[in-house]
């Protein structure tokens, strides 16, 4: 890694900030990627950062600041409304997504844009998440007009009433590019609604195609389960966000 990683605590929440090599002597304003599950994402970033930085060097990718946000309770913060748990191992979902998104777009974003050399234009803000983190990333486009690109990795689109919601709810952000990464074997061996994850991913893809235009939505299928091939999935998603187009 040629860049560096800083850690901060914002309103008692752990944050990491990746700064590209040369940030300290640059006078440009950088675009930003916000990543949910920052405690997990930082490990994936460590596994792919050399390739990402090579992309920065050859200018196939644009240098970004990357901000990882660690949740207090992802089952609550990454869910859009309250719903019953679908497994006895987990507590019910409290649906605190609105409150979490307000933290991202107000407290955290304000801090990042004041303390770092960051562009405040929508076109330079992107967001990425996996599983429930991907769900809250998708939910954001119905709640704010904040991000120009959204990367959804194996989103939990089995969530109660989700498909009906994205069909009918007004898009606050109707000008963004989306990548949906999904595994053909997600849900294998499950007996809950999660067994149908590939079906829900495909339904979501078709819905977003109609709502924001086919040219703005990409779906990438692989032959893995929900938690498999995670490093490569994050690499595909991050490269999508970091490309200039």
C-alpha atoms as a PDB file:
ATOM      1  CA  UNK A   1       0.000   0.000   0.000  1.00  0.00           C
ATOM      2  CA  UNK A   2       1.380   3.376  -1.054  1.00  0.00           C
ATOM      3  CA  UNK A   3      -1.441   5.409   0.464  1.00  0.00           C
ATOM      4  CA  UNK A   4      -2.230   5.533   4.157  1.00  0.00           C
ATOM      5  CA  UNK A   5      -5.111   4.730   6.491  1.00  0.00           C
ATOM      6  CA  UNK A   6      -6.226   6.958   9.342  1.00  0.00           C
ATOM      7  CA  UNK A   7      -8.701   6.074  12.086  1.00  0.00           C
ATOM      8  CA  UNK A   8     -11.161   8.418  13.726  1.00  0.00           C
ATOM      9  CA  UNK A   9     -14.099   8.256  16.118  1.00  0.00           C
ATOM     10  CA  UNK A  10     -17.161  10.275  15.066  1.00  0.00           C
ATOM     11  CA  UNK A  11     -20.022  10.357  17.587  1.00  0.00           C
ATOM     12  CA  UNK A  12     -18.562   7.232  19.233  1.00  0.00           C
ATOM     13  CA  UNK A  13     -18.492   5.419  15.885  1.00  0.00           C
ATOM     14  CA  UNK A  14     -15.250   3.951  14.510  1.00  0.00           C
ATOM     15  CA  UNK A  15     -14.265   5.283  11.088  1.00  0.00           C
ATOM     16  CA  UNK A  16     -11.290   4.595   8.841  1.00  0.00           C
ATOM     17  CA  UNK A  17     -10.132   6.922   6.075  1.00  0.00           C
ATOM     18  CA  UNK A  18      -7.891   5.763   3.219  1.00  0.00           C
ATOM     19  CA  UNK A  19      -5.887   8.598   1.647  1.00  0.00           C
ATOM     20  CA  UNK A  20      -4.191   7.977  -1.711  1.00  0.00           C
ATOM     21  CA  UNK A  21      -0.451   8.342  -2.138  1.00  0.00           C
ATOM     22  CA  UNK A  22       0.425  11.993  -2.650  1.00  0.00           C
ATOM     23  CA  UNK A  23      -2.646  13.294  -0.840  1.00  0.00           C
ATOM     24  CA  UNK A  24      -0.559  15.456   1.506  1.00  0.00           C
ATOM     25  CA  UNK A  25       1.079  17.414  -1.326  1.00  0.00           C
ATOM     26  CA  UNK A  26      -1.900  17.524  -3.681  1.00  0.00           C
ATOM     27  CA  UNK A  27      -4.147  20.554  -3.994  1.00  0.00           C
ATOM     28  CA  UNK A  28      -7.023  18.741  -5.698  1.00  0.00           C
ATOM     29  CA  UNK A  29     -10.403  17.872  -4.252  1.00  0.00           C
ATOM     30  CA  UNK A  30     -10.852  14.091  -4.130  1.00  0.00           C
ATOM     31  CA  UNK A  31     -14.005  12.073  -4.761  1.00  0.00           C
ATOM     32  CA  UNK A  32     -15.099   9.798  -1.914  1.00  0.00           C
ATOM     33  CA  UNK A  33     -16.379   6.238  -1.524  1.00  0.00           C
ATOM     34  CA  UNK A  34     -18.358   5.536   1.653  1.00  0.00           C
ATOM     35  CA  UNK A  35     -18.251   1.859   2.695  1.00  0.00           C
ATOM     36  CA  UNK A  36     -20.585   0.184   5.190  1.00  0.00           C
ATOM     37  CA  UNK A  37     -19.274  -2.537   7.518  1.00  0.00           C
ATOM     38  CA  UNK A  38     -15.998  -0.653   7.753  1.00  0.00           C
ATOM     39  CA  UNK A  39     -14.487  -3.197  10.145  1.00  0.00           C
ATOM     40  CA  UNK A  40     -14.870  -5.903   7.491  1.00  0.00           C
ATOM     41  CA  UNK A  41     -14.332  -3.713   4.458  1.00  0.00           C
ATOM     42  CA  UNK A  42     -10.885  -2.608   5.625  1.00  0.00           C
ATOM     43  CA  UNK A  43      -9.742  -6.238   5.433  1.00  0.00           C
ATOM     44  CA  UNK A  44     -10.999  -6.601   1.874  1.00  0.00           C
ATOM     45  CA  UNK A  45      -9.379  -3.306   0.957  1.00  0.00           C
ATOM     46  CA  UNK A  46      -6.063  -4.559   2.305  1.00  0.00           C
ATOM     47  CA  UNK A  47      -6.288  -7.559  -0.021  1.00  0.00           C
ATOM     48  CA  UNK A  48      -6.918  -5.559  -3.193  1.00  0.00           C
ATOM     49  CA  UNK A  49      -5.314  -2.179  -2.552  1.00  0.00           C
ATOM     50  CA  UNK A  50      -2.140  -2.922  -4.526  1.00  0.00           C
ATOM     51  CA  UNK A  51      -4.213  -3.585  -7.662  1.00  0.00           C
ATOM     52  CA  UNK A  52      -6.374  -0.537  -6.977  1.00  0.00           C
ATOM     53  CA  UNK A  53      -3.325   1.685  -6.578  1.00  0.00           C
ATOM     54  CA  UNK A  54      -1.861   0.270  -9.779  1.00  0.00           C
ATOM     55  CA  UNK A  55      -5.070   1.458 -11.441  1.00  0.00           C
ATOM     56  CA  UNK A  56      -4.449   4.898  -9.940  1.00  0.00           C
ATOM     57  CA  UNK A  57      -0.941   4.893 -11.376  1.00  0.00           C
ATOM     58  CA  UNK A  58      -1.958   3.921 -14.909  1.00  0.00           C
ATOM     59  CA  UNK A  59      -5.032   6.192 -14.687  1.00  0.00           C
ATOM     60  CA  UNK A  60      -7.539   3.446 -15.446  1.00  0.00           C
ATOM     61  CA  UNK A  61      -9.013   4.334 -12.039  1.00  0.00           C
ATOM     62  CA  UNK A  62      -9.430   7.734 -10.438  1.00  0.00           C
ATOM     63  CA  UNK A  63      -7.873   8.368  -7.039  1.00  0.00           C
ATOM     64  CA  UNK A  64     -10.501   8.459  -4.301  1.00  0.00           C
ATOM     65  CA  UNK A  65     -10.601   8.840  -0.571  1.00  0.00           C
ATOM     66  CA  UNK A  66     -12.316   5.783   0.935  1.00  0.00           C
ATOM     67  CA  UNK A  67     -14.222   6.056   4.196  1.00  0.00           C
ATOM     68  CA  UNK A  68     -15.231   2.922   6.088  1.00  0.00           C
ATOM     69  CA  UNK A  69     -17.972   3.107   8.712  1.00  0.00           C
ATOM     70  CA  UNK A  70     -18.263   0.457  11.436  1.00  0.00           C
ATOM     71  CA  UNK A  71     -21.868  -0.150  12.581  1.00  0.00           C
ATOM     72  CA  UNK A  72     -23.090  -0.288  16.149  1.00  0.00           C
ATOM     73  CA  UNK A  73     -25.667  -2.962  15.244  1.00  0.00           C
ATOM     74  CA  UNK A  74     -25.919  -3.720  11.547  1.00  0.00           C
ATOM     75  CA  UNK A  75     -29.180  -5.690  11.904  1.00  0.00           C
ATOM     76  CA  UNK A  76     -30.847  -2.483  13.052  1.00  0.00           C
ATOM     77  CA  UNK A  77     -28.914   0.223  11.204  1.00  0.00           C
ATOM     78  CA  UNK A  78     -28.884  -1.415   7.790  1.00  0.00           C
ATOM     79  CA  UNK A  79     -32.596  -2.203   7.678  1.00  0.00           C
ATOM     80  CA  UNK A  80     -35.205   0.222   6.295  1.00  0.00           C
ATOM     81  CA  UNK A  81     -38.119  -0.630   8.583  1.00  0.00           C
ATOM     82  CA  UNK A  82     -38.859  -2.994  11.440  1.00  0.00           C
ATOM     83  CA  UNK A  83     -39.298  -6.690  10.623  1.00  0.00           C
ATOM     84  CA  UNK A  84     -39.190 -10.025  12.387  1.00  0.00           C
ATOM     85  CA  UNK A  85     -35.964 -11.992  12.367  1.00  0.00           C
ATOM     86  CA  UNK A  86     -35.961 -14.988  10.065  1.00  0.00           C
ATOM     87  CA  UNK A  87     -33.723 -17.095  12.296  1.00  0.00           C
ATOM     88  CA  UNK A  88     -33.731 -17.689  16.039  1.00  0.00           C
ATOM     89  CA  UNK A  89     -30.021 -16.846  16.244  1.00  0.00           C
ATOM     90  CA  UNK A  90     -30.749 -13.189  15.442  1.00  0.00           C
ATOM     91  CA  UNK A  91     -32.817 -10.509  17.118  1.00  0.00           C
ATOM     92  CA  UNK A  92     -35.624  -8.761  15.243  1.00  0.00           C
ATOM     93  CA  UNK A  93     -34.678  -5.988  12.851  1.00  0.00           C
ATOM     94  CA  UNK A  94     -35.481  -2.569  14.312  1.00  0.00           C
ATOM     95  CA  UNK A  95     -35.349  -0.693  11.001  1.00  0.00           C
ATOM     96  CA  UNK A  96     -33.092   2.216  11.964  1.00  0.00           C
ATOM     97  CA  UNK A  97     -31.941   2.812   8.384  1.00  0.00           C
ATOM     98  CA  UNK A  98     -33.269   6.376   8.193  1.00  0.00           C
ATOM     99  CA  UNK A  99     -31.362   7.382  11.316  1.00  0.00           C
ATOM    100  CA  UNK A 100     -28.167   5.756  10.022  1.00  0.00           C
ATOM    101  CA  UNK A 101     -28.432   7.473   6.634  1.00  0.00           C
ATOM    102  CA  UNK A 102     -28.894  10.806   8.397  1.00  0.00           C
ATOM    103  CA  UNK A 103     -25.636  10.165  10.259  1.00  0.00           C
ATOM    104  CA  UNK A 104     -23.874   9.411   6.962  1.00  0.00           C
ATOM    105  CA  UNK A 105     -25.160  12.416   5.052  1.00  0.00           C
ATOM    106  CA  UNK A 106     -25.013  14.931   7.888  1.00  0.00           C
ATOM    107  CA  UNK A 107     -22.529  14.197  10.670  1.00  0.00           C
ATOM    108  CA  UNK A 108     -20.008  12.023   8.847  1.00  0.00           C
ATOM    109  CA  UNK A 109     -20.144  13.695   5.458  1.00  0.00           C
ATOM    110  CA  UNK A 110     -19.868  17.150   7.027  1.00  0.00           C
ATOM    111  CA  UNK A 111     -16.832  16.021   8.986  1.00  0.00           C
ATOM    112  CA  UNK A 112     -15.113  14.445   5.965  1.00  0.00           C
ATOM    113  CA  UNK A 113     -15.776  17.436   3.715  1.00  0.00           C
ATOM    114  CA  UNK A 114     -14.478  19.900   6.327  1.00  0.00           C
ATOM    115  CA  UNK A 115     -11.413  17.987   7.491  1.00  0.00           C
ATOM    116  CA  UNK A 116     -10.168  16.504   4.217  1.00  0.00           C
ATOM    117  CA  UNK A 117      -9.595  17.695   0.659  1.00  0.00           C
ATOM    118  CA  UNK A 118     -12.850  16.301  -0.629  1.00  0.00           C
ATOM    119  CA  UNK A 119     -15.223  17.287  -3.410  1.00  0.00           C
ATOM    120  CA  UNK A 120     -18.718  18.148  -2.198  1.00  0.00           C
ATOM    121  CA  UNK A 121     -20.357  17.417  -5.564  1.00  0.00           C
ATOM    122  CA  UNK A 122     -22.809  14.547  -5.810  1.00  0.00           C
ATOM    123  CA  UNK A 123     -20.940  13.180  -8.839  1.00  0.00           C
ATOM    124  CA  UNK A 124     -17.953  12.611  -6.562  1.00  0.00           C
ATOM    125  CA  UNK A 125     -19.772  10.681  -3.843  1.00  0.00           C
ATOM    126  CA  UNK A 126     -20.229   6.906  -4.072  1.00  0.00           C
ATOM    127  CA  UNK A 127     -21.389   4.178  -1.688  1.00  0.00           C
ATOM    128  CA  UNK A 128     -20.735   0.435  -1.343  1.00  0.00           C
ATOM    129  CA  UNK A 129     -22.107  -2.327   0.834  1.00  0.00           C
ATOM    130  CA  UNK A 130     -22.466  -6.096   1.164  1.00  0.00           C
ATOM    131  CA  UNK A 131     -25.548  -8.056   2.270  1.00  0.00           C
ATOM    132  CA  UNK A 132     -27.560  -5.785   4.603  1.00  0.00           C
ATOM    133  CA  UNK A 133     -24.951  -3.113   3.872  1.00  0.00           C
ATOM    134  CA  UNK A 134     -25.934  -3.385   0.222  1.00  0.00           C
ATOM    135  CA  UNK A 135     -29.601  -3.172   1.173  1.00  0.00           C
ATOM    136  CA  UNK A 136     -29.083   0.140   2.974  1.00  0.00           C
ATOM    137  CA  UNK A 137     -27.044   1.403   0.022  1.00  0.00           C
ATOM    138  CA  UNK A 138     -29.996   0.718  -2.281  1.00  0.00           C
ATOM    139  CA  UNK A 139     -32.417   2.175   0.245  1.00  0.00           C
ATOM    140  CA  UNK A 140     -30.469   5.444   0.193  1.00  0.00           C
ATOM    141  CA  UNK A 141     -31.673   6.321  -3.320  1.00  0.00           C
ATOM    142  CA  UNK A 142     -35.228   6.462  -1.985  1.00  0.00           C
ATOM    143  CA  UNK A 143     -34.214   8.728   0.911  1.00  0.00           C
ATOM    144  CA  UNK A 144     -31.635  11.200  -0.438  1.00  0.00           C
ATOM    145  CA  UNK A 145     -30.001  12.490  -3.623  1.00  0.00           C
ATOM    146  CA  UNK A 146     -26.495  12.026  -2.320  1.00  0.00           C
ATOM    147  CA  UNK A 147     -24.623   9.426  -4.388  1.00  0.00           C
ATOM    148  CA  UNK A 148     -23.762   9.188  -8.088  1.00  0.00           C
ATOM    149  CA  UNK A 149     -22.781   5.508  -7.960  1.00  0.00           C
ATOM    150  CA  UNK A 150     -24.036   2.629  -5.818  1.00  0.00           C
ATOM    151  CA  UNK A 151     -22.321  -0.770  -5.525  1.00  0.00           C
ATOM    152  CA  UNK A 152     -24.549  -3.539  -4.173  1.00  0.00           C
ATOM    153  CA  UNK A 153     -22.821  -6.823  -3.317  1.00  0.00           C
ATOM    154  CA  UNK A 154     -25.191  -9.711  -2.564  1.00  0.00           C
ATOM    155  CA  UNK A 155     -27.875  -7.386  -1.208  1.00  0.00           C
ATOM    156  CA  UNK A 156     -30.385  -8.820   1.258  1.00  0.00           C
ATOM    157  CA  UNK A 157     -33.288  -8.158  -1.076  1.00  0.00           C
ATOM    158  CA  UNK A 158     -35.301 -10.921   0.541  1.00  0.00           C
ATOM    159  CA  UNK A 159     -36.109  -8.325   3.214  1.00  0.00           C
ATOM    160  CA  UNK A 160     -39.799  -8.114   4.110  1.00  0.00           C
ATOM    161  CA  UNK A 161     -41.764  -5.969   1.602  1.00  0.00           C
ATOM    162  CA  UNK A 162     -38.560  -4.803  -0.127  1.00  0.00           C
ATOM    163  CA  UNK A 163     -39.472  -5.723  -3.697  1.00  0.00           C
ATOM    164  CA  UNK A 164     -42.878  -4.053  -3.381  1.00  0.00           C
ATOM    165  CA  UNK A 165     -41.154  -0.975  -1.967  1.00  0.00           C
ATOM    166  CA  UNK A 166     -38.663  -0.501  -4.806  1.00  0.00           C
ATOM    167  CA  UNK A 167     -41.418  -0.973  -7.390  1.00  0.00           C
ATOM    168  CA  UNK A 168     -43.625   1.816  -6.058  1.00  0.00           C
ATOM    169  CA  UNK A 169     -41.693   4.177  -3.802  1.00  0.00           C
ATOM    170  CA  UNK A 170     -40.611   7.524  -5.220  1.00  0.00           C
ATOM    171  CA  UNK A 171     -36.924   7.746  -6.100  1.00  0.00           C
ATOM    172  CA  UNK A 172     -35.371  10.786  -4.442  1.00  0.00           C
ATOM    173  CA  UNK A 173     -32.204  10.012  -6.395  1.00  0.00           C
ATOM    174  CA  UNK A 174     -33.107   9.107  -9.978  1.00  0.00           C
ATOM    175  CA  UNK A 175     -29.709   9.960 -11.480  1.00  0.00           C
ATOM    176  CA  UNK A 176     -27.152   7.365 -10.428  1.00  0.00           C
ATOM    177  CA  UNK A 177     -25.310   4.327 -11.761  1.00  0.00           C
ATOM    178  CA  UNK A 178     -25.752   0.972 -10.073  1.00  0.00           C
ATOM    179  CA  UNK A 179     -23.884  -2.319 -10.057  1.00  0.00           C
ATOM    180  CA  UNK A 180     -25.595  -5.388  -8.593  1.00  0.00           C
ATOM    181  CA  UNK A 181     -23.277  -8.302  -7.811  1.00  0.00           C
ATOM    182  CA  UNK A 182     -25.089 -11.537  -7.024  1.00  0.00           C
ATOM    183  CA  UNK A 183     -24.269 -15.217  -6.570  1.00  0.00           C
ATOM    184  CA  UNK A 184     -26.220 -17.945  -8.335  1.00  0.00           C
ATOM    185  CA  UNK A 185     -25.786 -20.181  -5.279  1.00  0.00           C
ATOM    186  CA  UNK A 186     -26.892 -17.644  -2.675  1.00  0.00           C
ATOM    187  CA  UNK A 187     -29.512 -19.169  -0.438  1.00  0.00           C
ATOM    188  CA  UNK A 188     -28.558 -22.785  -1.209  1.00  0.00           C
ATOM    189  CA  UNK A 189     -29.419 -24.942   1.783  1.00  0.00           C
ATOM    190  CA  UNK A 190     -31.692 -22.315   3.321  1.00  0.00           C
ATOM    191  CA  UNK A 191     -35.308 -22.995   4.243  1.00  0.00           C
ATOM    192  CA  UNK A 192     -36.197 -19.364   4.977  1.00  0.00           C
ATOM    193  CA  UNK A 193     -37.057 -16.737   2.348  1.00  0.00           C
ATOM    194  CA  UNK A 194     -33.298 -16.308   1.822  1.00  0.00           C
ATOM    195  CA  UNK A 195     -33.417 -19.439  -0.338  1.00  0.00           C
ATOM    196  CA  UNK A 196     -34.771 -17.235  -3.125  1.00  0.00           C
ATOM    197  CA  UNK A 197     -32.001 -14.638  -3.074  1.00  0.00           C
ATOM    198  CA  UNK A 198     -31.042 -15.018  -6.766  1.00  0.00           C
ATOM    199  CA  UNK A 199     -34.678 -14.505  -7.761  1.00  0.00           C
ATOM    200  CA  UNK A 200     -34.899 -11.315  -5.711  1.00  0.00           C
ATOM    201  CA  UNK A 201     -31.632  -9.995  -7.147  1.00  0.00           C
ATOM    202  CA  UNK A 202     -32.917 -10.515 -10.658  1.00  0.00           C
ATOM    203  CA  UNK A 203     -36.261  -8.903  -9.840  1.00  0.00           C
ATOM    204  CA  UNK A 204     -34.444  -5.904  -8.405  1.00  0.00           C
ATOM    205  CA  UNK A 205     -32.288  -5.616 -11.512  1.00  0.00           C
ATOM    206  CA  UNK A 206     -35.352  -5.561 -13.754  1.00  0.00           C
ATOM    207  CA  UNK A 207     -37.061  -2.968 -11.560  1.00  0.00           C
ATOM    208  CA  UNK A 208     -34.073  -0.618 -11.475  1.00  0.00           C
ATOM    209  CA  UNK A 209     -33.600  -0.996 -15.238  1.00  0.00           C
ATOM    210  CA  UNK A 210     -37.096   0.346 -15.756  1.00  0.00           C
ATOM    211  CA  UNK A 211     -36.759   3.073 -13.168  1.00  0.00           C
ATOM    212  CA  UNK A 212     -33.355   4.591 -13.998  1.00  0.00           C
ATOM    213  CA  UNK A 213     -32.615   3.191 -17.461  1.00  0.00           C
ATOM    214  CA  UNK A 214     -30.897   0.030 -18.643  1.00  0.00           C
ATOM    215  CA  UNK A 215     -27.703   1.950 -19.430  1.00  0.00           C
ATOM    216  CA  UNK A 216     -27.357   2.893 -15.751  1.00  0.00           C
ATOM    217  CA  UNK A 217     -27.643  -0.599 -14.241  1.00  0.00           C
ATOM    218  CA  UNK A 218     -25.207  -3.511 -14.461  1.00  0.00           C
ATOM    219  CA  UNK A 219     -25.662  -6.949 -12.955  1.00  0.00           C
ATOM    220  CA  UNK A 220     -22.742  -9.316 -12.443  1.00  0.00           C
ATOM    221  CA  UNK A 221     -23.516 -12.941 -11.647  1.00  0.00           C
ATOM    222  CA  UNK A 222     -21.053 -15.465 -10.260  1.00  0.00           C
ATOM    223  CA  UNK A 223     -21.342 -19.120  -9.246  1.00  0.00           C
ATOM    224  CA  UNK A 224     -20.863 -18.638  -5.514  1.00  0.00           C
ATOM    225  CA  UNK A 225     -22.861 -18.483  -2.310  1.00  0.00           C
ATOM    226  CA  UNK A 226     -23.589 -15.426  -0.210  1.00  0.00           C
ATOM    227  CA  UNK A 227     -20.284 -15.190   1.682  1.00  0.00           C
ATOM    228  CA  UNK A 228     -17.978 -16.714  -0.941  1.00  0.00           C
ATOM    229  CA  UNK A 229     -15.518 -15.035  -3.321  1.00  0.00           C
ATOM    230  CA  UNK A 230     -15.872 -11.872  -1.234  1.00  0.00           C
ATOM    231  CA  UNK A 231     -12.482 -10.390  -2.129  1.00  0.00           C
ATOM    232  CA  UNK A 232     -13.085 -10.566  -5.877  1.00  0.00           C
ATOM    233  CA  UNK A 233     -16.624  -9.243  -5.500  1.00  0.00           C
ATOM    234  CA  UNK A 234     -15.336  -6.223  -3.600  1.00  0.00           C
ATOM    235  CA  UNK A 235     -12.656  -5.680  -6.249  1.00  0.00           C
ATOM    236  CA  UNK A 236     -15.271  -5.647  -9.036  1.00  0.00           C
ATOM    237  CA  UNK A 237     -17.511  -3.301  -7.049  1.00  0.00           C
ATOM    238  CA  UNK A 238     -14.745  -0.906  -6.064  1.00  0.00           C
ATOM    239  CA  UNK A 239     -13.355  -0.712  -9.592  1.00  0.00           C
ATOM    240  CA  UNK A 240     -16.840   0.157 -10.829  1.00  0.00           C
ATOM    241  CA  UNK A 241     -16.997   3.035  -8.346  1.00  0.00           C
ATOM    242  CA  UNK A 242     -13.470   4.279  -9.075  1.00  0.00           C
ATOM    243  CA  UNK A 243     -13.714   4.389 -12.873  1.00  0.00           C
ATOM    244  CA  UNK A 244     -14.049   7.881 -14.260  1.00  0.00           C
ATOM    245  CA  UNK A 245     -17.092   6.994 -16.384  1.00  0.00           C
END
